[in-house]
Amino acid sequence: MRRLMIADDSAVICKVAKRILTGLDYLVIEASNSGEAMIMCDAQLPDVLLVDAGMTGALELISAVRQMEGGKDVRIHYLMIEKEFKQMMAGKRAGADEFLLKPFDRRSLTEAFAPYAVAA
């Protein structure tokens, strides 16, 4: 089972994502802020990391994960409210692999994550 961490300060977003992604066979871990996410990543890196672009310290979290041993293998999705080029480029420079628009639904999460749910 692949580990997926959601770093988002919205309890509603975390709850919805966790319910859907757990159904896709991910072990879902939640972090309500970037500091909490860093502590959890230090303990054990997830296979997939979802980071809310609006969260304080989001870009620093992505950069820090990329610097960790094994951090280059983490699939990082930057969660955005709208497709804003400047914000997307900042996320890409920090190390994000993909972008996902919020609010998301079952279909968008299934399309994005179902193909990768099975551990390699």
PDB file of N, CA and C in Angstrom:
ATOM      1  N   MET A   1       0.850  -1.180   0.000  1.00  0.00           N
ATOM      2  CA  MET A   1       0.000   0.000   0.000  1.00  0.00           C
ATOM      3  C   MET A   1       0.895   1.243   0.000  1.00  0.00           C
ATOM      4  N   ARG A   2       0.620   2.167  -0.917  1.00  0.00           N
ATOM      5  CA  ARG A   2       1.430   3.382  -1.025  1.00  0.00           C
ATOM      6  C   ARG A   2       0.988   4.416   0.007  1.00  0.00           C
ATOM      7  N   ARG A   3       1.971   5.132   0.543  1.00  0.00           N
ATOM      8  CA  ARG A   3       1.710   6.181   1.528  1.00  0.00           C
ATOM      9  C   ARG A   3       1.486   7.513   0.817  1.00  0.00           C
ATOM     10  N   LEU A   4       0.418   8.206   1.178  1.00  0.00           N
ATOM     11  CA  LEU A   4       0.106   9.496   0.611  1.00  0.00           C
ATOM     12  C   LEU A   4      -0.145  10.476   1.740  1.00  0.00           C
ATOM     13  N   MET A   5       0.529  11.610   1.710  1.00  0.00           N
ATOM     14  CA  MET A   5       0.326  12.639   2.725  1.00  0.00           C
ATOM     15  C   MET A   5      -0.376  13.834   2.104  1.00  0.00           C
ATOM     16  N   ILE A   6      -1.382  14.339   2.823  1.00  0.00           N
ATOM     17  CA  ILE A   6      -2.076  15.566   2.440  1.00  0.00           C
ATOM     18  C   ILE A   6      -1.648  16.639   3.435  1.00  0.00           C
ATOM     19  N   ALA A   7      -0.982  17.680   2.937  1.00  0.00           N
ATOM     20  CA  ALA A   7      -0.591  18.816   3.775  1.00  0.00           C
ATOM     21  C   ALA A   7      -1.490  19.987   3.386  1.00  0.00           C
ATOM     22  N   ASP A   8      -2.532  20.191   4.174  1.00  0.00           N
ATOM     23  CA  ASP A   8      -3.525  21.223   3.872  1.00  0.00           C
ATOM     24  C   ASP A   8      -4.154  21.658   5.185  1.00  0.00           C
ATOM     25  N   ASP A   9      -4.316  22.965   5.378  1.00  0.00           N
ATOM     26  CA  ASP A   9      -4.889  23.449   6.626  1.00  0.00           C
ATOM     27  C   ASP A   9      -6.418  23.419   6.644  1.00  0.00           C
ATOM     28  N   SER A  10      -7.025  22.938   5.580  1.00  0.00           N
ATOM     29  CA  SER A  10      -8.479  22.793   5.531  1.00  0.00           C
ATOM     30  C   SER A  10      -8.873  21.376   5.940  1.00  0.00           C
ATOM     31  N   ALA A  11      -9.566  21.277   7.069  1.00  0.00           N
ATOM     32  CA  ALA A  11     -10.017  19.965   7.550  1.00  0.00           C
ATOM     33  C   ALA A  11     -10.996  19.325   6.564  1.00  0.00           C
ATOM     34  N   VAL A  12     -11.802  20.131   5.887  1.00  0.00           N
ATOM     35  CA  VAL A  12     -12.778  19.611   4.931  1.00  0.00           C
ATOM     36  C   VAL A  12     -12.064  18.988   3.730  1.00  0.00           C
ATOM     37  N   ILE A  13     -11.078  19.688   3.185  1.00  0.00           N
ATOM     38  CA  ILE A  13     -10.317  19.162   2.038  1.00  0.00           C
ATOM     39  C   ILE A  13      -9.651  17.846   2.432  1.00  0.00           C
ATOM     40  N   CYS A  14      -9.032  17.820   3.604  1.00  0.00           N
ATOM     41  CA  CYS A  14      -8.351  16.594   4.068  1.00  0.00           C
ATOM     42  C   CYS A  14      -9.338  15.446   4.222  1.00  0.00           C
ATOM     43  N   LYS A  15     -10.500  15.726   4.794  1.00  0.00           N
ATOM     44  CA  LYS A  15     -11.501  14.681   5.024  1.00  0.00           C
ATOM     45  C   LYS A  15     -12.005  14.091   3.702  1.00  0.00           C
ATOM     46  N   VAL A  16     -12.330  14.960   2.758  1.00  0.00           N
ATOM     47  CA  VAL A  16     -12.832  14.502   1.457  1.00  0.00           C
ATOM     48  C   VAL A  16     -11.755  13.695   0.732  1.00  0.00           C
ATOM     49  N   ALA A  17     -10.540  14.240   0.672  1.00  0.00           N
ATOM     50  CA  ALA A  17      -9.448  13.553  -0.026  1.00  0.00           C
ATOM     51  C   ALA A  17      -9.135  12.217   0.636  1.00  0.00           C
ATOM     52  N   LYS A  18      -9.107  12.197   1.958  1.00  0.00           N
ATOM     53  CA  LYS A  18      -8.787  10.957   2.667  1.00  0.00           C
ATOM     54  C   LYS A  18      -9.814   9.871   2.372  1.00  0.00           C
ATOM     55  N   ARG A  19     -11.081  10.224   2.384  1.00  0.00           N
ATOM     56  CA  ARG A  19     -12.139   9.248   2.121  1.00  0.00           C
ATOM     57  C   ARG A  19     -11.981   8.661   0.714  1.00  0.00           C
ATOM     58  N   ILE A  20     -11.747   9.504  -0.267  1.00  0.00           N
ATOM     59  CA  ILE A  20     -11.635   9.041  -1.651  1.00  0.00           C
ATOM     60  C   ILE A  20     -10.352   8.245  -1.862  1.00  0.00           C
ATOM     61  N   LEU A  21      -9.226   8.767  -1.390  1.00  0.00           N
ATOM     62  CA  LEU A  21      -7.930   8.128  -1.647  1.00  0.00           C
ATOM     63  C   LEU A  21      -7.739   6.835  -0.857  1.00  0.00           C
ATOM     64  N   THR A  22      -8.327   6.745   0.318  1.00  0.00           N
ATOM     65  CA  THR A  22      -8.283   5.494   1.069  1.00  0.00           C
ATOM     66  C   THR A  22      -9.011   4.407   0.277  1.00  0.00           C
ATOM     67  N   GLY A  23     -10.088   4.782  -0.401  1.00  0.00           N
ATOM     68  CA  GLY A  23     -10.824   3.850  -1.249  1.00  0.00           C
ATOM     69  C   GLY A  23     -10.028   3.391  -2.464  1.00  0.00           C
ATOM     70  N   LEU A  24      -8.978   4.136  -2.811  1.00  0.00           N
ATOM     71  CA  LEU A  24      -8.101   3.755  -3.923  1.00  0.00           C
ATOM     72  C   LEU A  24      -6.892   2.964  -3.428  1.00  0.00           C
ATOM     73  N   ASP A  25      -6.934   2.549  -2.171  1.00  0.00           N
ATOM     74  CA  ASP A  25      -5.872   1.733  -1.564  1.00  0.00           C
ATOM     75  C   ASP A  25      -4.610   2.497  -1.187  1.00  0.00           C
ATOM     76  N   TYR A  26      -4.743   3.775  -0.866  1.00  0.00           N
ATOM     77  CA  TYR A  26      -3.622   4.534  -0.316  1.00  0.00           C
ATOM     78  C   TYR A  26      -3.727   4.545   1.201  1.00  0.00           C
ATOM     79  N   LEU A  27      -2.583   4.528   1.869  1.00  0.00           N
ATOM     80  CA  LEU A  27      -2.526   4.803   3.296  1.00  0.00           C
ATOM     81  C   LEU A  27      -2.385   6.319   3.391  1.00  0.00           C
ATOM     82  N   VAL A  28      -3.431   7.004   3.844  1.00  0.00           N
ATOM     83  CA  VAL A  28      -3.471   8.460   3.821  1.00  0.00           C
ATOM     84  C   VAL A  28      -3.132   9.025   5.193  1.00  0.00           C
ATOM     85  N   ILE A  29      -2.177   9.961   5.189  1.00  0.00           N
ATOM     86  CA  ILE A  29      -1.731  10.653   6.391  1.00  0.00           C
ATOM     87  C   ILE A  29      -2.044  12.132   6.192  1.00  0.00           C
ATOM     88  N   GLU A  30      -2.504  12.797   7.236  1.00  0.00           N
ATOM     89  CA  GLU A  30      -2.855  14.211   7.140  1.00  0.00           C
ATOM     90  C   GLU A  30      -1.910  15.064   7.964  1.00  0.00           C
ATOM     91  N   ALA A  31      -1.558  16.231   7.421  1.00  0.00           N
ATOM     92  CA  ALA A  31      -0.792  17.241   8.143  1.00  0.00           C
ATOM     93  C   ALA A  31      -1.532  18.564   7.990  1.00  0.00           C
ATOM     94  N   SER A  32      -1.777  19.250   9.092  1.00  0.00           N
ATOM     95  CA  SER A  32      -2.575  20.477   9.034  1.00  0.00           C
ATOM     96  C   SER A  32      -1.740  21.732   8.787  1.00  0.00           C
ATOM     97  N   ASN A  33      -0.413  21.583   8.763  1.00  0.00           N
ATOM     98  CA  ASN A  33       0.451  22.719   8.451  1.00  0.00           C
ATOM     99  C   ASN A  33       1.803  22.203   7.956  1.00  0.00           C
ATOM    100  N   SER A  34       2.619  23.093   7.436  1.00  0.00           N
ATOM    101  CA  SER A  34       3.888  22.666   6.840  1.00  0.00           C
ATOM    102  C   SER A  34       4.873  22.145   7.894  1.00  0.00           C
ATOM    103  N   GLY A  35       4.843  22.693   9.092  1.00  0.00           N
ATOM    104  CA  GLY A  35       5.720  22.209  10.158  1.00  0.00           C
ATOM    105  C   GLY A  35       5.416  20.776  10.544  1.00  0.00           C
ATOM    106  N   GLU A  36       4.138  20.477  10.700  1.00  0.00           N
ATOM    107  CA  GLU A  36       3.697  19.115  11.011  1.00  0.00           C
ATOM    108  C   GLU A  36       4.081  18.160   9.876  1.00  0.00           C
ATOM    109  N   ALA A  37       3.903  18.617   8.637  1.00  0.00           N
ATOM    110  CA  ALA A  37       4.258  17.790   7.476  1.00  0.00           C
ATOM    111  C   ALA A  37       5.755  17.494   7.460  1.00  0.00           C
ATOM    112  N   MET A  38       6.584  18.482   7.787  1.00  0.00           N
ATOM    113  CA  MET A  38       8.039  18.281   7.809  1.00  0.00           C
ATOM    114  C   MET A  38       8.437  17.233   8.851  1.00  0.00           C
ATOM    115  N   ILE A  39       7.843  17.305  10.018  1.00  0.00           N
ATOM    116  CA  ILE A  39       8.126  16.335  11.077  1.00  0.00           C
ATOM    117  C   ILE A  39       7.777  14.930  10.601  1.00  0.00           C
ATOM    118  N   MET A  40       6.615  14.788   9.972  1.00  0.00           N
ATOM    119  CA  MET A  40       6.177  13.480   9.476  1.00  0.00           C
ATOM    120  C   MET A  40       7.077  12.990   8.348  1.00  0.00           C
ATOM    121  N   CYS A  41       7.497  13.885   7.465  1.00  0.00           N
ATOM    122  CA  CYS A  41       8.378  13.502   6.361  1.00  0.00           C
ATOM    123  C   CYS A  41       9.760  13.113   6.877  1.00  0.00           C
ATOM    124  N   ASP A  42      10.224  13.785   7.917  1.00  0.00           N
ATOM    125  CA  ASP A  42      11.500  13.413   8.539  1.00  0.00           C
ATOM    126  C   ASP A  42      11.434  11.988   9.084  1.00  0.00           C
ATOM    127  N   ALA A  43      10.278  11.628   9.640  1.00  0.00           N
ATOM    128  CA  ALA A  43      10.104  10.288  10.209  1.00  0.00           C
ATOM    129  C   ALA A  43      10.005   9.236   9.110  1.00  0.00           C
ATOM    130  N   GLN A  44       9.207   9.518   8.076  1.00  0.00           N
ATOM    131  CA  GLN A  44       9.061   8.596   6.945  1.00  0.00           C
ATOM    132  C   GLN A  44       8.455   9.349   5.764  1.00  0.00           C
ATOM    133  N   LEU A  45       9.195   9.377   4.670  1.00  0.00           N
ATOM    134  CA  LEU A  45       8.704  10.049   3.473  1.00  0.00           C
ATOM    135  C   LEU A  45       7.520   9.302   2.879  1.00  0.00           C
ATOM    136  N   PRO A  46       6.513  10.047   2.425  1.00  0.00           N
ATOM    137  CA  PRO A  46       5.413   9.392   1.719  1.00  0.00           C
ATOM    138  C   PRO A  46       5.824   9.105   0.277  1.00  0.00           C
ATOM    139  N   ASP A  47       5.068   8.266  -0.397  1.00  0.00           N
ATOM    140  CA  ASP A  47       5.281   8.032  -1.825  1.00  0.00           C
ATOM    141  C   ASP A  47       4.729   9.200  -2.638  1.00  0.00           C
ATOM    142  N   VAL A  48       3.633   9.769  -2.129  1.00  0.00           N
ATOM    143  CA  VAL A  48       2.953  10.881  -2.790  1.00  0.00           C
ATOM    144  C   VAL A  48       2.675  11.947  -1.743  1.00  0.00           C
ATOM    145  N   LEU A  49       2.899  13.207  -2.128  1.00  0.00           N
ATOM    146  CA  LEU A  49       2.669  14.333  -1.219  1.00  0.00           C
ATOM    147  C   LEU A  49       1.792  15.354  -1.923  1.00  0.00           C
ATOM    148  N   LEU A  50       0.677  15.731  -1.288  1.00  0.00           N
ATOM    149  CA  LEU A  50      -0.205  16.775  -1.785  1.00  0.00           C
ATOM    150  C   LEU A  50      -0.007  17.989  -0.898  1.00  0.00           C
ATOM    151  N   VAL A  51       0.371  19.117  -1.493  1.00  0.00           N
ATOM    152  CA  VAL A  51       0.669  20.324  -0.724  1.00  0.00           C
ATOM    153  C   VAL A  51      -0.228  21.462  -1.186  1.00  0.00           C
ATOM    154  N   ASP A  52      -0.951  22.064  -0.248  1.00  0.00           N
ATOM    155  CA  ASP A  52      -1.825  23.190  -0.539  1.00  0.00           C
ATOM    156  C   ASP A  52      -0.986  24.431  -0.804  1.00  0.00           C
ATOM    157  N   ALA A  53      -1.160  25.038  -1.979  1.00  0.00           N
ATOM    158  CA  ALA A  53      -0.399  26.224  -2.364  1.00  0.00           C
ATOM    159  C   ALA A  53      -0.672  27.409  -1.444  1.00  0.00           C
ATOM    160  N   GLY A  54      -1.835  27.458  -0.830  1.00  0.00           N
ATOM    161  CA  GLY A  54      -2.191  28.567   0.041  1.00  0.00           C
ATOM    162  C   GLY A  54      -1.700  28.425   1.468  1.00  0.00           C
ATOM    163  N   MET A  55      -1.101  27.310   1.787  1.00  0.00           N
ATOM    164  CA  MET A  55      -0.626  27.051   3.145  1.00  0.00           C
ATOM    165  C   MET A  55       0.716  27.759   3.381  1.00  0.00           C
ATOM    166  N   THR A  56       0.873  28.383   4.508  1.00  0.00           N
ATOM    167  CA  THR A  56       2.135  29.029   4.861  1.00  0.00           C
ATOM    168  C   THR A  56       3.245  27.994   4.868  1.00  0.00           C
ATOM    169  N   GLY A  57       4.336  28.292   4.158  1.00  0.00           N
ATOM    170  CA  GLY A  57       5.482  27.396   4.118  1.00  0.00           C
ATOM    171  C   GLY A  57       5.386  26.284   3.091  1.00  0.00           C
ATOM    172  N   ALA A  58       4.398  26.363   2.185  1.00  0.00           N
ATOM    173  CA  ALA A  58       4.188  25.290   1.196  1.00  0.00           C
ATOM    174  C   ALA A  58       5.408  25.091   0.300  1.00  0.00           C
ATOM    175  N   LEU A  59       5.943  26.164  -0.254  1.00  0.00           N
ATOM    176  CA  LEU A  59       7.093  26.047  -1.156  1.00  0.00           C
ATOM    177  C   LEU A  59       8.339  25.558  -0.415  1.00  0.00           C
ATOM    178  N   GLU A  60       8.506  26.007   0.808  1.00  0.00           N
ATOM    179  CA  GLU A  60       9.641  25.569   1.618  1.00  0.00           C
ATOM    180  C   GLU A  60       9.536  24.083   1.938  1.00  0.00           C
ATOM    181  N   LEU A  61       8.315  23.611   2.184  1.00  0.00           N
ATOM    182  CA  LEU A  61       8.085  22.188   2.441  1.00  0.00           C
ATOM    183  C   LEU A  61       8.486  21.358   1.231  1.00  0.00           C
ATOM    184  N   ILE A  62       8.039  21.774   0.054  1.00  0.00           N
ATOM    185  CA  ILE A  62       8.371  21.037  -1.169  1.00  0.00           C
ATOM    186  C   ILE A  62       9.880  21.001  -1.374  1.00  0.00           C
ATOM    187  N   SER A  63      10.531  22.143  -1.241  1.00  0.00           N
ATOM    188  CA  SER A  63      11.991  22.209  -1.411  1.00  0.00           C
ATOM    189  C   SER A  63      12.711  21.324  -0.404  1.00  0.00           C
ATOM    190  N   ALA A  64      12.264  21.362   0.843  1.00  0.00           N
ATOM    191  CA  ALA A  64      12.903  20.565   1.895  1.00  0.00           C
ATOM    192  C   ALA A  64      12.752  19.067   1.630  1.00  0.00           C
ATOM    193  N   VAL A  65      11.577  18.657   1.189  1.00  0.00           N
ATOM    194  CA  VAL A  65      11.359  17.233   0.877  1.00  0.00           C
ATOM    195  C   VAL A  65      12.292  16.800  -0.246  1.00  0.00           C
ATOM    196  N   ARG A  66      12.443  17.634  -1.256  1.00  0.00           N
ATOM    197  CA  ARG A  66      13.328  17.305  -2.381  1.00  0.00           C
ATOM    198  C   ARG A  66      14.782  17.136  -1.935  1.00  0.00           C
ATOM    199  N   GLN A  67      15.180  17.819  -0.868  1.00  0.00           N
ATOM    200  CA  GLN A  67      16.555  17.737  -0.373  1.00  0.00           C
ATOM    201  C   GLN A  67      16.800  16.510   0.517  1.00  0.00           C
ATOM    202  N   MET A  68      15.728  15.887   0.998  1.00  0.00           N
ATOM    203  CA  MET A  68      15.867  14.722   1.881  1.00  0.00           C
ATOM    204  C   MET A  68      16.337  13.503   1.095  1.00  0.00           C
ATOM    205  N   GLU A  69      16.958  12.576   1.801  1.00  0.00           N
ATOM    206  CA  GLU A  69      17.341  11.318   1.169  1.00  0.00           C
ATOM    207  C   GLU A  69      16.070  10.612   0.695  1.00  0.00           C
ATOM    208  N   GLY A  70      16.012  10.287  -0.578  1.00  0.00           N
ATOM    209  CA  GLY A  70      14.820   9.672  -1.163  1.00  0.00           C
ATOM    210  C   GLY A  70      13.765  10.681  -1.587  1.00  0.00           C
ATOM    211  N   GLY A  71      13.984  11.955  -1.320  1.00  0.00           N
ATOM    212  CA  GLY A  71      13.002  12.990  -1.619  1.00  0.00           C
ATOM    213  C   GLY A  71      12.734  13.210  -3.093  1.00  0.00           C
ATOM    214  N   LYS A  72      13.691  12.870  -3.912  1.00  0.00           N
ATOM    215  CA  LYS A  72      13.501  13.037  -5.360  1.00  0.00           C
ATOM    216  C   LYS A  72      12.511  12.012  -5.918  1.00  0.00           C
ATOM    217  N   ASP A  73      12.257  10.944  -5.158  1.00  0.00           N
ATOM    218  CA  ASP A  73      11.324   9.896  -5.594  1.00  0.00           C
ATOM    219  C   ASP A  73       9.878  10.169  -5.185  1.00  0.00           C
ATOM    220  N   VAL A  74       9.662  11.162  -4.332  1.00  0.00           N
ATOM    221  CA  VAL A  74       8.308  11.492  -3.876  1.00  0.00           C
ATOM    222  C   VAL A  74       7.576  12.216  -5.006  1.00  0.00           C
ATOM    223  N   ARG A  75       6.362  11.776  -5.296  1.00  0.00           N
ATOM    224  CA  ARG A  75       5.535  12.430  -6.324  1.00  0.00           C
ATOM    225  C   ARG A  75       4.787  13.563  -5.624  1.00  0.00           C
ATOM    226  N   ILE A  76       5.099  14.812  -5.975  1.00  0.00           N
ATOM    227  CA  ILE A  76       4.521  15.966  -5.280  1.00  0.00           C
ATOM    228  C   ILE A  76       3.494  16.668  -6.175  1.00  0.00           C
ATOM    229  N   HIS A  77       2.293  16.817  -5.620  1.00  0.00           N
ATOM    230  CA  HIS A  77       1.207  17.522  -6.300  1.00  0.00           C
ATOM    231  C   HIS A  77       0.945  18.824  -5.543  1.00  0.00           C
ATOM    232  N   TYR A  78       0.955  19.925  -6.267  1.00  0.00           N
ATOM    233  CA  TYR A  78       0.716  21.252  -5.713  1.00  0.00           C
ATOM    234  C   TYR A  78      -0.761  21.568  -5.894  1.00  0.00           C
ATOM    235  N   LEU A  79      -1.488  21.764  -4.797  1.00  0.00           N
ATOM    236  CA  LEU A  79      -2.934  21.982  -4.829  1.00  0.00           C
ATOM    237  C   LEU A  79      -3.234  23.470  -4.940  1.00  0.00           C
ATOM    238  N   MET A  80      -3.936  23.847  -5.999  1.00  0.00           N
ATOM    239  CA  MET A  80      -4.214  25.249  -6.263  1.00  0.00           C
ATOM    240  C   MET A  80      -5.716  25.486  -6.428  1.00  0.00           C
ATOM    241  N   ILE A  81      -6.144  26.712  -6.122  1.00  0.00           N
ATOM    242  CA  ILE A  81      -7.551  27.069  -6.275  1.00  0.00           C
ATOM    243  C   ILE A  81      -7.848  27.449  -7.721  1.00  0.00           C
ATOM    244  N   GLU A  82      -6.860  28.030  -8.404  1.00  0.00           N
ATOM    245  CA  GLU A  82      -7.012  28.365  -9.814  1.00  0.00           C
ATOM    246  C   GLU A  82      -5.667  28.215 -10.506  1.00  0.00           C
ATOM    247  N   LYS A  83      -5.710  28.023 -11.808  1.00  0.00           N
ATOM    248  CA  LYS A  83      -4.473  27.900 -12.573  1.00  0.00           C
ATOM    249  C   LYS A  83      -3.893  29.293 -12.744  1.00  0.00           C
ATOM    250  N   GLU A  84      -2.896  29.606 -11.942  1.00  0.00           N
ATOM    251  CA  GLU A  84      -2.247  30.909 -11.987  1.00  0.00           C
ATOM    252  C   GLU A  84      -0.789  30.647 -12.337  1.00  0.00           C
ATOM    253  N   PHE A  85      -0.375  31.123 -13.502  1.00  0.00           N
ATOM    254  CA  PHE A  85       0.944  30.801 -14.051  1.00  0.00           C
ATOM    255  C   PHE A  85       2.086  31.094 -13.076  1.00  0.00           C
ATOM    256  N   LYS A  86       2.075  32.231 -12.455  1.00  0.00           N
ATOM    257  CA  LYS A  86       3.159  32.619 -11.538  1.00  0.00           C
ATOM    258  C   LYS A  86       3.259  31.636 -10.358  1.00  0.00           C
ATOM    259  N   GLN A  87       2.115  31.277  -9.821  1.00  0.00           N
ATOM    260  CA  GLN A  87       2.069  30.328  -8.704  1.00  0.00           C
ATOM    261  C   GLN A  87       2.515  28.941  -9.159  1.00  0.00           C
ATOM    262  N   MET A  88       2.121  28.552 -10.361  1.00  0.00           N
ATOM    263  CA  MET A  88       2.530  27.252 -10.897  1.00  0.00           C
ATOM    264  C   MET A  88       4.047  27.198 -11.086  1.00  0.00           C
ATOM    265  N   MET A  89       4.629  28.264 -11.601  1.00  0.00           N
ATOM    266  CA  MET A  89       6.083  28.302 -11.816  1.00  0.00           C
ATOM    267  C   MET A  89       6.835  28.264 -10.488  1.00  0.00           C
ATOM    268  N   ALA A  90       6.305  28.945  -9.470  1.00  0.00           N
ATOM    269  CA  ALA A  90       6.927  28.903  -8.147  1.00  0.00           C
ATOM    270  C   ALA A  90       6.896  27.471  -7.603  1.00  0.00           C
ATOM    271  N   GLY A  91       5.774  26.789  -7.777  1.00  0.00           N
ATOM    272  CA  GLY A  91       5.654  25.397  -7.334  1.00  0.00           C
ATOM    273  C   GLY A  91       6.600  24.484  -8.096  1.00  0.00           C
ATOM    274  N   LYS A  92       6.710  24.702  -9.391  1.00  0.00           N
ATOM    275  CA  LYS A  92       7.603  23.889 -10.232  1.00  0.00           C
ATOM    276  C   LYS A  92       9.067  24.104  -9.827  1.00  0.00           C
ATOM    277  N   ARG A  93       9.453  25.359  -9.597  1.00  0.00           N
ATOM    278  CA  ARG A  93      10.823  25.651  -9.163  1.00  0.00           C
ATOM    279  C   ARG A  93      11.138  25.014  -7.811  1.00  0.00           C
ATOM    280  N   ALA A  94      10.142  24.950  -6.942  1.00  0.00           N
ATOM    281  CA  ALA A  94      10.343  24.343  -5.623  1.00  0.00           C
ATOM    282  C   ALA A  94      10.480  22.824  -5.718  1.00  0.00           C
ATOM    283  N   GLY A  95       9.910  22.231  -6.795  1.00  0.00           N
ATOM    284  CA  GLY A  95      10.037  20.794  -6.970  1.00  0.00           C
ATOM    285  C   GLY A  95       8.745  20.032  -7.181  1.00  0.00           C
ATOM    286  N   ALA A  96       7.618  20.737  -7.359  1.00  0.00           N
ATOM    287  CA  ALA A  96       6.343  20.055  -7.597  1.00  0.00           C
ATOM    288  C   ALA A  96       6.364  19.353  -8.950  1.00  0.00           C
ATOM    289  N   ASP A  97       5.779  18.161  -9.002  1.00  0.00           N
ATOM    290  CA  ASP A  97       5.683  17.391 -10.248  1.00  0.00           C
ATOM    291  C   ASP A  97       4.414  17.710 -11.016  1.00  0.00           C
ATOM    292  N   GLU A  98       3.319  17.878 -10.284  1.00  0.00           N
ATOM    293  CA  GLU A  98       1.996  18.030 -10.891  1.00  0.00           C
ATOM    294  C   GLU A  98       1.220  19.104 -10.150  1.00  0.00           C
ATOM    295  N   PHE A  99       0.134  19.559 -10.771  1.00  0.00           N
ATOM    296  CA  PHE A  99      -0.765  20.541 -10.174  1.00  0.00           C
ATOM    297  C   PHE A  99      -2.164  19.954 -10.173  1.00  0.00           C
ATOM    298  N   LEU A 100      -2.913  20.246  -9.119  1.00  0.00           N
ATOM    299  CA  LEU A 100      -4.272  19.739  -8.998  1.00  0.00           C
ATOM    300  C   LEU A 100      -5.142  20.881  -8.496  1.00  0.00           C
ATOM    301  N   LEU A 101      -6.263  21.112  -9.182  1.00  0.00           N
ATOM    302  CA  LEU A 101      -7.155  22.190  -8.789  1.00  0.00           C
ATOM    303  C   LEU A 101      -8.092  21.763  -7.667  1.00  0.00           C
ATOM    304  N   LYS A 102      -8.274  22.673  -6.705  1.00  0.00           N
ATOM    305  CA  LYS A 102      -9.233  22.483  -5.626  1.00  0.00           C
ATOM    306  C   LYS A 102     -10.429  23.386  -5.900  1.00  0.00           C
ATOM    307  N   PRO A 103     -11.600  23.069  -5.452  1.00  0.00           N
ATOM    308  CA  PRO A 103     -11.924  21.827  -4.755  1.00  0.00           C
ATOM    309  C   PRO A 103     -11.972  20.670  -5.749  1.00  0.00           C
ATOM    310  N   PHE A 104     -11.534  19.523  -5.293  1.00  0.00           N
ATOM    311  CA  PHE A 104     -11.552  18.357  -6.167  1.00  0.00           C
ATOM    312  C   PHE A 104     -12.719  17.462  -5.795  1.00  0.00           C
ATOM    313  N   ASP A 105     -12.978  16.499  -6.652  1.00  0.00           N
ATOM    314  CA  ASP A 105     -14.061  15.555  -6.422  1.00  0.00           C
ATOM    315  C   ASP A 105     -13.539  14.139  -6.667  1.00  0.00           C
ATOM    316  N   ARG A 106     -14.400  13.178  -6.499  1.00  0.00           N
ATOM    317  CA  ARG A 106     -14.024  11.772  -6.650  1.00  0.00           C
ATOM    318  C   ARG A 106     -13.420  11.506  -8.031  1.00  0.00           C
ATOM    319  N   ARG A 107     -14.029  12.035  -9.084  1.00  0.00           N
ATOM    320  CA  ARG A 107     -13.546  11.790 -10.440  1.00  0.00           C
ATOM    321  C   ARG A 107     -12.131  12.336 -10.657  1.00  0.00           C
ATOM    322  N   SER A 108     -11.894  13.570 -10.253  1.00  0.00           N
ATOM    323  CA  SER A 108     -10.570  14.164 -10.490  1.00  0.00           C
ATOM    324  C   SER A 108      -9.485  13.468  -9.674  1.00  0.00           C
ATOM    325  N   LEU A 109      -9.784  13.088  -8.443  1.00  0.00           N
ATOM    326  CA  LEU A 109      -8.786  12.374  -7.631  1.00  0.00           C
ATOM    327  C   LEU A 109      -8.545  10.967  -8.157  1.00  0.00           C
ATOM    328  N   THR A 110      -9.606  10.309  -8.592  1.00  0.00           N
ATOM    329  CA  THR A 110      -9.456   8.965  -9.142  1.00  0.00           C
ATOM    330  C   THR A 110      -8.615   8.999 -10.418  1.00  0.00           C
ATOM    331  N   GLU A 111      -8.885   9.958 -11.282  1.00  0.00           N
ATOM    332  CA  GLU A 111      -8.099  10.082 -12.517  1.00  0.00           C
ATOM    333  C   GLU A 111      -6.626  10.359 -12.214  1.00  0.00           C
ATOM    334  N   ALA A 112      -6.372  11.194 -11.223  1.00  0.00           N
ATOM    335  CA  ALA A 112      -4.999  11.584 -10.910  1.00  0.00           C
ATOM    336  C   ALA A 112      -4.217  10.496 -10.174  1.00  0.00           C
ATOM    337  N   PHE A 113      -4.881   9.725  -9.301  1.00  0.00           N
ATOM    338  CA  PHE A 113      -4.132   8.844  -8.406  1.00  0.00           C
ATOM    339  C   PHE A 113      -4.378   7.350  -8.541  1.00  0.00           C
ATOM    340  N   ALA A 114      -5.476   6.930  -9.130  1.00  0.00           N
ATOM    341  CA  ALA A 114      -5.743   5.493  -9.257  1.00  0.00           C
ATOM    342  C   ALA A 114      -4.640   4.747 -10.024  1.00  0.00           C
ATOM    343  N   PRO A 115      -4.102   5.324 -11.101  1.00  0.00           N
ATOM    344  CA  PRO A 115      -3.059   4.581 -11.849  1.00  0.00           C
ATOM    345  C   PRO A 115      -1.802   4.283 -11.040  1.00  0.00           C
ATOM    346  N   TYR A 116      -1.569   5.036  -9.964  1.00  0.00           N
ATOM    347  CA  TYR A 116      -0.337   4.886  -9.185  1.00  0.00           C
ATOM    348  C   TYR A 116      -0.562   4.270  -7.811  1.00  0.00           C
ATOM    349  N   ALA A 117      -1.768   3.820  -7.525  1.00  0.00           N
ATOM    350  CA  ALA A 117      -2.111   3.359  -6.189  1.00  0.00           C
ATOM    351  C   ALA A 117      -1.374   2.087  -5.780  1.00  0.00           C
ATOM    352  N   VAL A 118      -1.123   1.214  -6.710  1.00  0.00           N
ATOM    353  CA  VAL A 118      -0.460  -0.052  -6.384  1.00  0.00           C
ATOM    354  C   VAL A 118       1.033   0.190  -6.213  1.00  0.00           C
ATOM    355  N   ALA A 119       1.584  -0.291  -5.127  1.00  0.00           N
ATOM    356  CA  ALA A 119       3.015  -0.101  -4.872  1.00  0.00           C
ATOM    357  C   ALA A 119       3.846  -0.801  -5.954  1.00  0.00           C
ATOM    358  N   ALA A 120       4.902  -0.149  -6.315  1.00  0.00           N
ATOM    359  CA  ALA A 120       5.784  -0.719  -7.360  1.00  0.00           C
ATOM    360  C   ALA A 120       6.587  -1.882  -6.845  1.00  0.00           C
TER     361      ALA A 120
END
